[in-house]
C-alpha atoms as a PDB file:
ATOM      1  CA  MET A   1     -27.560  -4.913   5.535  1.00  0.00           C
ATOM      2  CA  THR A   2     -30.086  -6.785   8.092  1.00  0.00           C
ATOM      3  CA  LEU A   3     -29.300  -8.747  11.037  1.00  0.00           C
ATOM      4  CA  LYS A   4     -29.871 -12.773  10.314  1.00  0.00           C
ATOM      5  CA  GLU A   5     -27.347 -11.316   7.254  1.00  0.00           C
ATOM      6  CA  CYS A   6     -24.224  -9.351   9.257  1.00  0.00           C
ATOM      7  CA  LYS A   7     -24.621 -12.651  11.047  1.00  0.00           C
ATOM      8  CA  LYS A   8     -23.936 -14.274   8.178  1.00  0.00           C
ATOM      9  CA  GLU A   9     -21.113 -12.667   6.484  1.00  0.00           C
ATOM     10  CA  GLU A  10     -19.582 -13.147  10.970  1.00  0.00           C
ATOM     11  CA  LYS A  11     -19.908 -16.422  10.887  1.00  0.00           C
ATOM     12  CA  ALA A  12     -18.210 -17.809   7.296  1.00  0.00           C
ATOM     13  CA  ASP A  13     -15.467 -15.269   8.175  1.00  0.00           C
ATOM     14  CA  ARG A  14     -14.773 -16.834  11.413  1.00  0.00           C
ATOM     15  CA  GLU A  15     -15.136 -20.652  10.357  1.00  0.00           C
ATOM     16  CA  PHE A  16     -12.977 -19.513   7.049  1.00  0.00           C
ATOM     17  CA  GLN A  17     -10.461 -18.040   9.641  1.00  0.00           C
ATOM     18  CA  LYS A  18     -10.923 -21.620  11.241  1.00  0.00           C
ATOM     19  CA  LYS A  19     -10.514 -23.240   8.644  1.00  0.00           C
ATOM     20  CA  PHE A  20      -7.149 -21.716   7.168  1.00  0.00           C
ATOM     21  CA  LYS A  21      -5.648 -20.521  10.443  1.00  0.00           C
ATOM     22  CA  PHE A  22      -5.893 -17.242   9.484  1.00  0.00           C
ATOM     23  CA  GLU A  23      -4.300 -14.511  12.468  1.00  0.00           C
ATOM     24  CA  GLY A  24      -6.202 -11.121  12.859  1.00  0.00           C
ATOM     25  CA  SER A  25      -9.098  -9.006  10.754  1.00  0.00           C
ATOM     26  CA  ILE A  26      -9.369 -10.772   6.813  1.00  0.00           C
ATOM     27  CA  ASN A  27      -8.443  -7.825   4.957  1.00  0.00           C
ATOM     28  CA  VAL A  28      -9.240  -7.685   0.831  1.00  0.00           C
ATOM     29  CA  LEU A  29      -5.954  -6.619  -1.230  1.00  0.00           C
ATOM     30  CA  THR A  30      -6.731  -6.376  -4.204  1.00  0.00           C
ATOM     31  CA  GLN A  31     -10.509  -7.853  -6.548  1.00  0.00           C
ATOM     32  CA  MET A  32      -9.307  -9.386 -10.002  1.00  0.00           C
ATOM     33  CA  MET A  33     -11.187 -11.369 -12.864  1.00  0.00           C
ATOM     34  CA  VAL A  34     -10.720 -14.488 -13.259  1.00  0.00           C
ATOM     35  CA  ASP A  35      -9.405 -15.236 -17.095  1.00  0.00           C
ATOM     36  CA  PRO A  36     -12.477 -15.204 -19.642  1.00  0.00           C
ATOM     37  CA  ALA A  37     -10.302 -17.550 -21.744  1.00  0.00           C
ATOM     38  CA  ALA A  38      -9.979 -19.769 -19.070  1.00  0.00           C
ATOM     39  CA  THR A  39     -11.620 -23.263 -18.210  1.00  0.00           C
ATOM     40  CA  GLU A  40     -14.482 -23.093 -15.605  1.00  0.00           C
ATOM     41  CA  LYS A  41     -12.753 -25.182 -13.029  1.00  0.00           C
ATOM     42  CA  ARG A  42     -15.786 -26.627  -9.995  1.00  0.00           C
ATOM     43  CA  GLY A  43     -13.183 -26.760  -7.197  1.00  0.00           C
ATOM     44  CA  GLY A  44     -12.826 -28.924  -3.965  1.00  0.00           C
ATOM     45  CA  GLY A  45     -10.956 -29.563  -1.684  1.00  0.00           C
ATOM     46  CA  LYS A  46      -8.959 -26.084  -0.605  1.00  0.00           C
ATOM     47  CA  ASN A  47     -10.322 -25.400  -4.174  1.00  0.00           C
ATOM     48  CA  LEU A  48     -12.257 -22.424  -5.416  1.00  0.00           C
ATOM     49  CA  PRO A  49     -14.169 -23.480  -8.417  1.00  0.00           C
ATOM     50  CA  LEU A  50     -14.067 -20.946 -10.196  1.00  0.00           C
ATOM     51  CA  ARG A  51     -16.303 -19.381 -13.224  1.00  0.00           C
ATOM     52  CA  ARG A  52     -14.822 -17.149 -16.697  1.00  0.00           C
ATOM     53  CA  GLY A  53     -15.347 -13.359 -15.131  1.00  0.00           C
ATOM     54  CA  GLU A  54     -16.243 -13.393 -12.310  1.00  0.00           C
ATOM     55  CA  ILE A  55     -14.325 -11.505  -9.702  1.00  0.00           C
ATOM     56  CA  LEU A  56     -12.663 -11.935  -7.023  1.00  0.00           C
ATOM     57  CA  ASP A  57     -11.710 -10.647  -3.498  1.00  0.00           C
ATOM     58  CA  VAL A  58      -7.710 -10.619  -2.760  1.00  0.00           C
ATOM     59  CA  ILE A  59      -7.250 -11.739   0.851  1.00  0.00           C
ATOM     60  CA  GLN A  60      -3.480 -13.169   0.806  1.00  0.00           C
ATOM     61  CA  PHE A  61      -0.841 -13.904  -1.761  1.00  0.00           C
ATOM     62  CA  THR A  62       0.099 -16.689  -0.589  1.00  0.00           C
ATOM     63  CA  ASN A  63       2.461 -18.137  -3.170  1.00  0.00           C
ATOM     64  CA  GLN A  64       3.805 -17.220  -6.499  1.00  0.00           C
ATOM     65  CA  GLU A  65       0.578 -20.759  -7.415  1.00  0.00           C
ATOM     66  CA  GLN A  66      -1.380 -19.881  -5.018  1.00  0.00           C
ATOM     67  CA  ILE A  67      -4.137 -16.802  -3.929  1.00  0.00           C
ATOM     68  CA  LEU A  68      -6.471 -17.028  -1.618  1.00  0.00           C
ATOM     69  CA  CYS A  69      -9.975 -15.329  -2.932  1.00  0.00           C
ATOM     70  CA  ARG A  70     -13.164 -15.223  -1.940  1.00  0.00           C
ATOM     71  CA  ASN A  71     -15.818 -15.350  -4.569  1.00  0.00           C
ATOM     72  CA  SER A  72     -19.479 -13.272  -4.445  1.00  0.00           C
ATOM     73  CA  GLN A  73     -20.784 -16.066  -2.534  1.00  0.00           C
ATOM     74  CA  ARG A  74     -18.310 -15.297   1.139  1.00  0.00           C
ATOM     75  CA  ARG A  75     -16.260 -18.884  -0.321  1.00  0.00           C
ATOM     76  CA  CYS A  76     -13.499 -18.026   0.520  1.00  0.00           C
ATOM     77  CA  LYS A  77     -10.518 -20.605  -0.508  1.00  0.00           C
ATOM     78  CA  SER A  78      -7.063 -20.840  -3.314  1.00  0.00           C
ATOM     79  CA  THR A  79      -6.920 -20.617  -6.026  1.00  0.00           C
ATOM     80  CA  GLY A  80      -4.333 -20.697  -8.705  1.00  0.00           C
ATOM     81  CA  ALA A  81      -3.083 -17.716 -10.094  1.00  0.00           C
ATOM     82  CA  GLU A  82      -3.160 -18.751 -14.051  1.00  0.00           C
ATOM     83  CA  ALA A  83      -6.638 -18.720 -13.790  1.00  0.00           C
ATOM     84  CA  LEU A  84      -6.842 -14.982 -12.884  1.00  0.00           C
ATOM     85  CA  LEU A  85      -5.746 -11.325 -15.016  1.00  0.00           C
ATOM     86  CA  GLY A  86      -3.457  -9.388 -13.383  1.00  0.00           C
ATOM     87  CA  ALA A  87      -1.493 -12.964 -10.683  1.00  0.00           C
END
């Protein structure tokens, strides 16, 4: 990983911590896949856009209906648990 990519990831992590008032380091608890049969969602606000079969890093289980996730572009937002396999 180059220095530029490393700094970009650090900046994204700081923005995530500020936006979600997240204390401490960001640890990935597990990975979950978006249900291939689910409808694709555009996202927006605090919701993550979902694509069928996409693998998401789970950062925090906020409640029964929402999970804080990070996608492959390192965008961190919450998503509905019903669209994830194994949730």
